[in-house]
Amino acid sequence: MTTIENNVRLSFRNPNIYVPPRRGIVRTKIVCTIGPATRSKEVLTALLRSGMNVMRLNFSHGTHEYHAGTIALLREVLAETKRTCAIMLDTRGPEIRTALLEEQCGGEVLLQAGQEFMLYGGLTEPERQRGNAKGVYQNCPDLSAFLKPGAPVLIDDGLIAMVAEEIEADRVRCRVMNDGVLGERKGINLPGATVNLPAMTESDQRDLLFGIAQGVDFVAASFIRKRADVEQIRAFLREHGGASIQIISKIRKPGGFGKL
């Protein structure tokens, strides 16, 4: 029987699915993101029995202590169920995000179509600065260099659209195009802009070191744009004892697809 024939005949309900077949291994992965709603022995056990063979941890949220607890919980369940499951560390990546809002905003502000809105940058600690319905700080000091007047700015996965109107060294004045609610630490996307950000942030490096120490199996590298990005992450892993960790490139920008 060939590996392909074996894989076609596999069922996730087969108790022996996690035992590598004689002529290969199961290469199809069922990846489940584990967060507060699923972080329990009961749910993890049910997921494993239903076919989960990779647990994904999203490092855009949570602390190292929190993720270490999740990993320990999974390994406890694996020991009890005699199953196997890989662990994937999904990096935050070089993402541009808004900072916090003033406490009286209650974590969100209402933006209305047609209003002006400021994006402030160039600060050493933007997370300590708080915004409001007139403007917010963001974590990219070079944001102004990536934009031109008339350029689109999308926030929170495009739920809020803006257009850059006036650009200064430390701020960008935008015009809001649609009504929307803006929360804290939301992603900022610049369609069509050439954004020169590092493949790894300092936060990513700390997360990768944590992952190496925890023995993760995969790193899902966010916002990969070119070969050199992957090579940089691979070199970092190898240098710090994580040479065996596999890298999954998350290509989330159009420019990256042209360099496959």
C-alpha atoms as a PDB file:
ATOM      1  CA  MET A   1       0.000   0.000   0.000  1.00  0.00           C
ATOM      2  CA  THR A   2       1.375   3.406  -0.934  1.00  0.00           C
ATOM      3  CA  THR A   3       1.417   6.364   1.462  1.00  0.00           C
ATOM      4  CA  ILE A   4      -1.298   8.084  -0.575  1.00  0.00           C
ATOM      5  CA  GLU A   5      -3.505   4.969  -0.475  1.00  0.00           C
ATOM      6  CA  ASN A   6      -2.984   4.713   3.265  1.00  0.00           C
ATOM      7  CA  ASN A   7      -3.872   8.367   3.855  1.00  0.00           C
ATOM      8  CA  VAL A   8      -7.030   8.093   1.749  1.00  0.00           C
ATOM      9  CA  ARG A   9      -8.241   5.213   3.921  1.00  0.00           C
ATOM     10  CA  LEU A  10      -7.561   7.004   7.217  1.00  0.00           C
ATOM     11  CA  SER A  11     -10.406   8.175   9.432  1.00  0.00           C
ATOM     12  CA  PHE A  12      -9.931  10.588  12.302  1.00  0.00           C
ATOM     13  CA  ARG A  13     -12.118   8.196  14.345  1.00  0.00           C
ATOM     14  CA  ASN A  14      -9.547   5.446  13.947  1.00  0.00           C
ATOM     15  CA  PRO A  15      -7.817   5.057  17.353  1.00  0.00           C
ATOM     16  CA  ASN A  16      -4.558   4.211  15.563  1.00  0.00           C
ATOM     17  CA  ILE A  17      -4.486   7.302  13.364  1.00  0.00           C
ATOM     18  CA  TYR A  18      -1.637   8.795  15.394  1.00  0.00           C
ATOM     19  CA  VAL A  19       0.592   5.737  14.904  1.00  0.00           C
ATOM     20  CA  PRO A  20       2.779   6.444  11.841  1.00  0.00           C
ATOM     21  CA  PRO A  21       1.939   4.010   9.022  1.00  0.00           C
ATOM     22  CA  ARG A  22       4.628   1.626   7.841  1.00  0.00           C
ATOM     23  CA  ARG A  23       5.530   3.647   4.754  1.00  0.00           C
ATOM     24  CA  GLY A  24       5.056   7.210   5.938  1.00  0.00           C
ATOM     25  CA  ILE A  25       3.313   9.508   8.362  1.00  0.00           C
ATOM     26  CA  VAL A  26       0.020  11.335   8.419  1.00  0.00           C
ATOM     27  CA  ARG A  27       0.862  14.648   6.811  1.00  0.00           C
ATOM     28  CA  THR A  28      -2.575  16.240   6.934  1.00  0.00           C
ATOM     29  CA  LYS A  29      -2.825  18.447  10.015  1.00  0.00           C
ATOM     30  CA  ILE A  30      -5.951  19.496  11.867  1.00  0.00           C
ATOM     31  CA  VAL A  31      -4.921  22.678  13.654  1.00  0.00           C
ATOM     32  CA  CYS A  32      -7.015  23.953  16.554  1.00  0.00           C
ATOM     33  CA  THR A  33      -6.466  27.327  18.201  1.00  0.00           C
ATOM     34  CA  ILE A  34      -6.699  27.003  21.968  1.00  0.00           C
ATOM     35  CA  GLY A  35      -7.844  29.993  23.988  1.00  0.00           C
ATOM     36  CA  PRO A  36      -9.871  30.729  27.134  1.00  0.00           C
ATOM     37  CA  ALA A  37     -12.996  28.960  25.832  1.00  0.00           C
ATOM     38  CA  THR A  38     -11.160  25.710  25.047  1.00  0.00           C
ATOM     39  CA  ARG A  39      -8.410  25.657  27.675  1.00  0.00           C
ATOM     40  CA  SER A  40      -9.565  22.718  29.766  1.00  0.00           C
ATOM     41  CA  LYS A  41      -8.739  19.024  30.010  1.00  0.00           C
ATOM     42  CA  GLU A  42     -12.243  18.071  28.932  1.00  0.00           C
ATOM     43  CA  VAL A  43     -12.204  20.155  25.757  1.00  0.00           C
ATOM     44  CA  LEU A  44      -8.633  19.227  24.845  1.00  0.00           C
ATOM     45  CA  THR A  45      -9.470  15.547  25.250  1.00  0.00           C
ATOM     46  CA  ALA A  46     -12.535  15.917  23.039  1.00  0.00           C
ATOM     47  CA  LEU A  47     -10.542  17.774  20.390  1.00  0.00           C
ATOM     48  CA  LEU A  48      -7.839  15.116  20.352  1.00  0.00           C
ATOM     49  CA  ARG A  49     -10.408  12.362  19.970  1.00  0.00           C
ATOM     50  CA  SER A  50     -12.027  14.302  17.121  1.00  0.00           C
ATOM     51  CA  GLY A  51      -8.779  14.555  15.183  1.00  0.00           C
ATOM     52  CA  MET A  52      -6.772  17.541  16.434  1.00  0.00           C
ATOM     53  CA  ASN A  53      -3.091  16.864  15.887  1.00  0.00           C
ATOM     54  CA  VAL A  54      -1.699  20.405  16.162  1.00  0.00           C
ATOM     55  CA  MET A  55      -2.485  22.855  18.963  1.00  0.00           C
ATOM     56  CA  ARG A  56      -2.059  26.484  17.878  1.00  0.00           C
ATOM     57  CA  LEU A  57      -1.224  29.208  20.387  1.00  0.00           C
ATOM     58  CA  ASN A  58      -1.787  32.786  19.227  1.00  0.00           C
ATOM     59  CA  PHE A  59       0.996  34.956  20.632  1.00  0.00           C
ATOM     60  CA  SER A  60      -0.819  38.144  19.682  1.00  0.00           C
ATOM     61  CA  HIS A  61      -2.644  37.499  22.951  1.00  0.00           C
ATOM     62  CA  GLY A  62      -1.718  36.066  26.325  1.00  0.00           C
ATOM     63  CA  THR A  63       1.448  35.996  28.423  1.00  0.00           C
ATOM     64  CA  HIS A  64       4.247  33.466  28.464  1.00  0.00           C
ATOM     65  CA  GLU A  65       2.970  32.214  31.805  1.00  0.00           C
ATOM     66  CA  TYR A  66      -0.480  31.689  30.303  1.00  0.00           C
ATOM     67  CA  HIS A  67       0.824  29.825  27.253  1.00  0.00           C
ATOM     68  CA  ALA A  68       3.134  27.698  29.408  1.00  0.00           C
ATOM     69  CA  GLY A  69       0.085  26.634  31.398  1.00  0.00           C
ATOM     70  CA  THR A  70      -1.742  25.664  28.213  1.00  0.00           C
ATOM     71  CA  ILE A  71       1.218  23.616  26.981  1.00  0.00           C
ATOM     72  CA  ALA A  72       1.499  21.849  30.335  1.00  0.00           C
ATOM     73  CA  LEU A  73      -2.220  21.078  30.269  1.00  0.00           C
ATOM     74  CA  LEU A  74      -1.989  19.585  26.773  1.00  0.00           C
ATOM     75  CA  ARG A  75       0.934  17.386  27.730  1.00  0.00           C
ATOM     76  CA  GLU A  76      -0.955  16.168  30.771  1.00  0.00           C
ATOM     77  CA  VAL A  77      -3.878  15.188  28.543  1.00  0.00           C
ATOM     78  CA  LEU A  78      -1.552  13.527  26.018  1.00  0.00           C
ATOM     79  CA  ALA A  79      -0.025  11.406  28.769  1.00  0.00           C
ATOM     80  CA  GLU A  80      -3.484  10.288  29.872  1.00  0.00           C
ATOM     81  CA  THR A  81      -4.861   9.578  26.388  1.00  0.00           C
ATOM     82  CA  LYS A  82      -1.668   8.092  24.900  1.00  0.00           C
ATOM     83  CA  ARG A  83      -2.059  10.339  21.856  1.00  0.00           C
ATOM     84  CA  THR A  84       0.332  12.720  20.150  1.00  0.00           C
ATOM     85  CA  CYS A  85      -0.183  16.346  19.191  1.00  0.00           C
ATOM     86  CA  ALA A  86       2.242  18.958  17.901  1.00  0.00           C
ATOM     87  CA  ILE A  87       2.388  22.508  19.253  1.00  0.00           C
ATOM     88  CA  MET A  88       2.378  25.556  16.983  1.00  0.00           C
ATOM     89  CA  LEU A  89       3.567  28.985  18.107  1.00  0.00           C
ATOM     90  CA  ASP A  90       1.902  31.661  15.971  1.00  0.00           C
ATOM     91  CA  THR A  91       3.952  34.847  16.170  1.00  0.00           C
ATOM     92  CA  ARG A  92       2.540  38.324  16.341  1.00  0.00           C
ATOM     93  CA  GLY A  93       4.869  39.390  13.550  1.00  0.00           C
ATOM     94  CA  PRO A  94       5.758  42.910  12.419  1.00  0.00           C
ATOM     95  CA  GLU A  95       2.185  44.108  12.587  1.00  0.00           C
ATOM     96  CA  ILE A  96       1.191  47.748  12.927  1.00  0.00           C
ATOM     97  CA  ARG A  97      -1.363  48.134  15.725  1.00  0.00           C
ATOM     98  CA  THR A  98      -3.177  50.908  17.496  1.00  0.00           C
ATOM     99  CA  ALA A  99      -2.359  51.544  21.147  1.00  0.00           C
ATOM    100  CA  LEU A 100      -4.643  51.979  24.146  1.00  0.00           C
ATOM    101  CA  LEU A 101      -7.562  54.353  24.634  1.00  0.00           C
ATOM    102  CA  GLU A 102      -8.214  56.692  27.530  1.00  0.00           C
ATOM    103  CA  GLU A 103      -9.790  54.922  30.484  1.00  0.00           C
ATOM    104  CA  GLN A 104     -13.030  56.884  30.233  1.00  0.00           C
ATOM    105  CA  CYS A 105     -13.548  55.467  26.718  1.00  0.00           C
ATOM    106  CA  GLY A 106     -14.254  52.049  28.169  1.00  0.00           C
ATOM    107  CA  GLY A 107     -12.036  50.261  25.656  1.00  0.00           C
ATOM    108  CA  GLU A 108     -13.693  51.572  22.479  1.00  0.00           C
ATOM    109  CA  VAL A 109     -14.744  54.733  20.658  1.00  0.00           C
ATOM    110  CA  LEU A 110     -17.328  55.427  17.969  1.00  0.00           C
ATOM    111  CA  LEU A 111     -15.987  56.888  14.727  1.00  0.00           C
ATOM    112  CA  GLN A 112     -18.280  58.531  12.198  1.00  0.00           C
ATOM    113  CA  ALA A 113     -17.925  58.804   8.440  1.00  0.00           C
ATOM    114  CA  GLY A 114     -16.452  62.148   7.414  1.00  0.00           C
ATOM    115  CA  GLN A 115     -14.680  62.982  10.656  1.00  0.00           C
ATOM    116  CA  GLU A 116     -10.954  63.629  10.979  1.00  0.00           C
ATOM    117  CA  PHE A 117      -8.868  61.087  12.843  1.00  0.00           C
ATOM    118  CA  MET A 118      -5.206  61.260  13.821  1.00  0.00           C
ATOM    119  CA  LEU A 119      -2.714  58.414  13.888  1.00  0.00           C
ATOM    120  CA  TYR A 120       0.201  59.376  16.111  1.00  0.00           C
ATOM    121  CA  GLY A 121       3.611  57.727  15.956  1.00  0.00           C
ATOM    122  CA  GLY A 122       7.284  58.293  16.598  1.00  0.00           C
ATOM    123  CA  LEU A 123       6.958  57.726  20.336  1.00  0.00           C
ATOM    124  CA  THR A 124       9.263  55.432  22.261  1.00  0.00           C
ATOM    125  CA  GLU A 125       6.474  53.855  24.305  1.00  0.00           C
ATOM    126  CA  PRO A 126       3.209  54.211  22.353  1.00  0.00           C
ATOM    127  CA  GLU A 127       1.455  51.633  24.539  1.00  0.00           C
ATOM    128  CA  ARG A 128       1.713  54.101  27.419  1.00  0.00           C
ATOM    129  CA  GLN A 129      -0.022  56.803  25.407  1.00  0.00           C
ATOM    130  CA  ARG A 130      -3.797  56.733  25.263  1.00  0.00           C
ATOM    131  CA  GLY A 131      -6.063  57.925  22.484  1.00  0.00           C
ATOM    132  CA  ASN A 132      -9.711  58.864  22.080  1.00  0.00           C
ATOM    133  CA  ALA A 133     -12.309  59.473  19.357  1.00  0.00           C
ATOM    134  CA  LYS A 134     -10.065  62.139  17.806  1.00  0.00           C
ATOM    135  CA  GLY A 135      -6.958  60.008  17.400  1.00  0.00           C
ATOM    136  CA  VAL A 136      -4.839  57.139  18.678  1.00  0.00           C
ATOM    137  CA  TYR A 137      -1.188  56.256  18.966  1.00  0.00           C
ATOM    138  CA  GLN A 138       0.267  53.307  17.068  1.00  0.00           C
ATOM    139  CA  ASN A 139       3.430  51.244  17.375  1.00  0.00           C
ATOM    140  CA  CYS A 140       5.184  52.047  14.073  1.00  0.00           C
ATOM    141  CA  PRO A 141       7.450  55.114  14.283  1.00  0.00           C
ATOM    142  CA  ASP A 142       7.931  55.109  10.483  1.00  0.00           C
ATOM    143  CA  LEU A 143       4.248  55.036   9.543  1.00  0.00           C
ATOM    144  CA  SER A 144       4.440  58.454   7.879  1.00  0.00           C
ATOM    145  CA  ALA A 145       7.199  57.229   5.557  1.00  0.00           C
ATOM    146  CA  PHE A 146       4.953  54.486   4.176  1.00  0.00           C
ATOM    147  CA  LEU A 147       2.012  56.717   3.244  1.00  0.00           C
ATOM    148  CA  LYS A 148       1.139  59.398   0.730  1.00  0.00           C
ATOM    149  CA  PRO A 149      -1.901  61.697   0.643  1.00  0.00           C
ATOM    150  CA  GLY A 150      -4.868  59.749  -0.681  1.00  0.00           C
ATOM    151  CA  ALA A 151      -3.543  56.380   0.478  1.00  0.00           C
ATOM    152  CA  PRO A 152      -6.083  54.015   2.069  1.00  0.00           C
ATOM    153  CA  VAL A 153      -5.729  53.028   5.720  1.00  0.00           C
ATOM    154  CA  LEU A 154      -7.706  50.048   7.013  1.00  0.00           C
ATOM    155  CA  ILE A 155      -8.107  49.312  10.719  1.00  0.00           C
ATOM    156  CA  ASP A 156      -9.388  46.197  12.486  1.00  0.00           C
ATOM    157  CA  ASP A 157      -9.357  43.893   9.442  1.00  0.00           C
ATOM    158  CA  GLY A 158     -10.934  46.586   7.284  1.00  0.00           C
ATOM    159  CA  LEU A 159     -13.945  47.251   9.507  1.00  0.00           C
ATOM    160  CA  ILE A 160     -12.898  50.904   9.632  1.00  0.00           C
ATOM    161  CA  ALA A 161     -11.655  52.534   6.420  1.00  0.00           C
ATOM    162  CA  MET A 162      -9.788  55.832   6.273  1.00  0.00           C
ATOM    163  CA  VAL A 163      -7.901  57.891   3.728  1.00  0.00           C
ATOM    164  CA  ALA A 164      -4.651  59.669   4.602  1.00  0.00           C
ATOM    165  CA  GLU A 165      -4.944  63.412   3.924  1.00  0.00           C
ATOM    166  CA  GLU A 166      -2.016  65.147   5.617  1.00  0.00           C
ATOM    167  CA  ILE A 167       1.242  63.482   6.578  1.00  0.00           C
ATOM    168  CA  GLU A 168       3.765  64.807   9.082  1.00  0.00           C
ATOM    169  CA  ALA A 169       6.800  63.175  10.628  1.00  0.00           C
ATOM    170  CA  ASP A 170       5.031  62.094  13.806  1.00  0.00           C
ATOM    171  CA  ARG A 171       1.373  61.943  12.761  1.00  0.00           C
ATOM    172  CA  VAL A 172      -1.013  61.215   9.910  1.00  0.00           C
ATOM    173  CA  ARG A 173      -4.319  63.052   9.588  1.00  0.00           C
ATOM    174  CA  CYS A 174      -6.965  60.790   8.091  1.00  0.00           C
ATOM    175  CA  ARG A 175     -10.561  61.084   6.955  1.00  0.00           C
ATOM    176  CA  VAL A 176     -12.892  58.346   8.215  1.00  0.00           C
ATOM    177  CA  MET A 177     -14.888  56.746   5.397  1.00  0.00           C
ATOM    178  CA  ASN A 178     -17.474  54.744   7.349  1.00  0.00           C
ATOM    179  CA  ASP A 179     -19.061  54.570  10.769  1.00  0.00           C
ATOM    180  CA  GLY A 180     -17.455  52.052  13.083  1.00  0.00           C
ATOM    181  CA  VAL A 181     -16.386  51.169  16.596  1.00  0.00           C
ATOM    182  CA  LEU A 182     -12.641  51.221  17.246  1.00  0.00           C
ATOM    183  CA  GLY A 183     -11.238  49.144  20.074  1.00  0.00           C
ATOM    184  CA  GLU A 184      -7.715  48.855  21.460  1.00  0.00           C
ATOM    185  CA  ARG A 185      -4.664  47.195  19.865  1.00  0.00           C
ATOM    186  CA  LYS A 186      -6.328  46.813  16.469  1.00  0.00           C
ATOM    187  CA  GLY A 187      -4.335  45.990  13.355  1.00  0.00           C
ATOM    188  CA  ILE A 188      -3.577  48.702  10.789  1.00  0.00           C
ATOM    189  CA  ASN A 189      -3.311  47.657   7.142  1.00  0.00           C
ATOM    190  CA  LEU A 190      -1.907  49.836   4.353  1.00  0.00           C
ATOM    191  CA  PRO A 191      -3.122  48.367   1.030  1.00  0.00           C
ATOM    192  CA  GLY A 192      -0.687  48.939  -1.812  1.00  0.00           C
ATOM    193  CA  ALA A 193       1.994  50.488   0.388  1.00  0.00           C
ATOM    194  CA  THR A 194       5.530  49.128   0.564  1.00  0.00           C
ATOM    195  CA  VAL A 195       6.052  48.637   4.274  1.00  0.00           C
ATOM    196  CA  ASN A 196       9.641  48.013   5.312  1.00  0.00           C
ATOM    197  CA  LEU A 197       9.328  46.251   8.638  1.00  0.00           C
ATOM    198  CA  PRO A 198      11.699  43.673  10.166  1.00  0.00           C
ATOM    199  CA  ALA A 199      10.807  39.991   9.874  1.00  0.00           C
ATOM    200  CA  MET A 200      11.046  39.674  13.648  1.00  0.00           C
ATOM    201  CA  THR A 201      10.270  42.199  16.326  1.00  0.00           C
ATOM    202  CA  GLU A 202      11.897  42.121  19.751  1.00  0.00           C
ATOM    203  CA  SER A 203       8.645  40.686  21.049  1.00  0.00           C
ATOM    204  CA  ASP A 204       8.806  37.911  18.437  1.00  0.00           C
ATOM    205  CA  GLN A 205      12.350  37.051  19.493  1.00  0.00           C
ATOM    206  CA  ARG A 206      11.285  36.726  23.127  1.00  0.00           C
ATOM    207  CA  ASP A 207       8.376  34.532  22.049  1.00  0.00           C
ATOM    208  CA  LEU A 208      10.629  32.316  19.929  1.00  0.00           C
ATOM    209  CA  LEU A 209      13.043  31.832  22.831  1.00  0.00           C
ATOM    210  CA  PHE A 210      10.075  30.858  24.972  1.00  0.00           C
ATOM    211  CA  GLY A 211       8.918  28.422  22.299  1.00  0.00           C
ATOM    212  CA  ILE A 212      12.357  26.822  22.060  1.00  0.00           C
ATOM    213  CA  ALA A 213      12.442  26.344  25.826  1.00  0.00           C
ATOM    214  CA  GLN A 214       8.949  24.834  25.744  1.00  0.00           C
ATOM    215  CA  GLY A 215       9.797  22.471  22.896  1.00  0.00           C
ATOM    216  CA  VAL A 216       7.245  23.642  20.338  1.00  0.00           C
ATOM    217  CA  ASP A 217       7.152  21.859  16.989  1.00  0.00           C
ATOM    218  CA  PHE A 218       6.040  24.583  14.568  1.00  0.00           C
ATOM    219  CA  VAL A 219       6.430  28.340  14.272  1.00  0.00           C
ATOM    220  CA  ALA A 220       3.770  30.062  12.196  1.00  0.00           C
ATOM    221  CA  ALA A 221       5.626  33.193  11.088  1.00  0.00           C
ATOM    222  CA  SER A 222       3.278  36.102  10.438  1.00  0.00           C
ATOM    223  CA  PHE A 223       3.566  38.621   7.591  1.00  0.00           C
ATOM    224  CA  ILE A 224       6.316  36.839   5.658  1.00  0.00           C
ATOM    225  CA  ARG A 225       7.151  38.868   2.538  1.00  0.00           C
ATOM    226  CA  LYS A 226      10.340  37.363   1.117  1.00  0.00           C
ATOM    227  CA  ARG A 227      12.809  34.514   1.375  1.00  0.00           C
ATOM    228  CA  ALA A 228      15.154  36.509   3.589  1.00  0.00           C
ATOM    229  CA  ASP A 229      12.418  36.774   6.244  1.00  0.00           C
ATOM    230  CA  VAL A 230      12.254  32.993   6.576  1.00  0.00           C
ATOM    231  CA  GLU A 231      16.035  32.685   6.549  1.00  0.00           C
ATOM    232  CA  GLN A 232      16.316  35.238   9.355  1.00  0.00           C
ATOM    233  CA  ILE A 233      13.867  33.334  11.530  1.00  0.00           C
ATOM    234  CA  ARG A 234      15.558  30.020  10.719  1.00  0.00           C
ATOM    235  CA  ALA A 235      18.960  31.435  11.674  1.00  0.00           C
ATOM    236  CA  PHE A 236      17.582  32.728  14.975  1.00  0.00           C
ATOM    237  CA  LEU A 237      16.035  29.367  15.824  1.00  0.00           C
ATOM    238  CA  ARG A 238      19.203  27.484  14.907  1.00  0.00           C
ATOM    239  CA  GLU A 239      21.400  29.837  16.931  1.00  0.00           C
ATOM    240  CA  HIS A 240      19.304  29.322  20.061  1.00  0.00           C
ATOM    241  CA  GLY A 241      18.800  25.567  19.911  1.00  0.00           C
ATOM    242  CA  GLY A 242      15.600  25.385  17.885  1.00  0.00           C
ATOM    243  CA  ALA A 243      16.947  23.983  14.613  1.00  0.00           C
ATOM    244  CA  SER A 244      14.351  21.200  14.540  1.00  0.00           C
ATOM    245  CA  ILE A 245      11.371  23.565  14.696  1.00  0.00           C
ATOM    246  CA  GLN A 246       9.479  23.744  11.398  1.00  0.00           C
ATOM    247  CA  ILE A 247       8.511  27.160   9.981  1.00  0.00           C
ATOM    248  CA  ILE A 248       5.140  27.813   8.375  1.00  0.00           C
ATOM    249  CA  SER A 249       5.117  31.059   6.398  1.00  0.00           C
ATOM    250  CA  LYS A 250       1.944  33.107   6.741  1.00  0.00           C
ATOM    251  CA  ILE A 251       1.821  35.258   3.612  1.00  0.00           C
ATOM    252  CA  ARG A 252      -0.710  38.001   4.248  1.00  0.00           C
ATOM    253  CA  LYS A 253       0.435  40.656   1.789  1.00  0.00           C
ATOM    254  CA  PRO A 254       0.078  40.669  -2.021  1.00  0.00           C
ATOM    255  CA  GLY A 255       3.811  41.253  -2.483  1.00  0.00           C
ATOM    256  CA  GLY A 256       4.612  37.981  -0.772  1.00  0.00           C
ATOM    257  CA  PHE A 257       2.687  35.902  -3.287  1.00  0.00           C
ATOM    258  CA  GLY A 258       4.896  37.191  -6.076  1.00  0.00           C
ATOM    259  CA  LYS A 259       7.931  35.692  -4.343  1.00  0.00           C
ATOM    260  CA  LEU A 260       6.705  32.162  -3.722  1.00  0.00           C
END
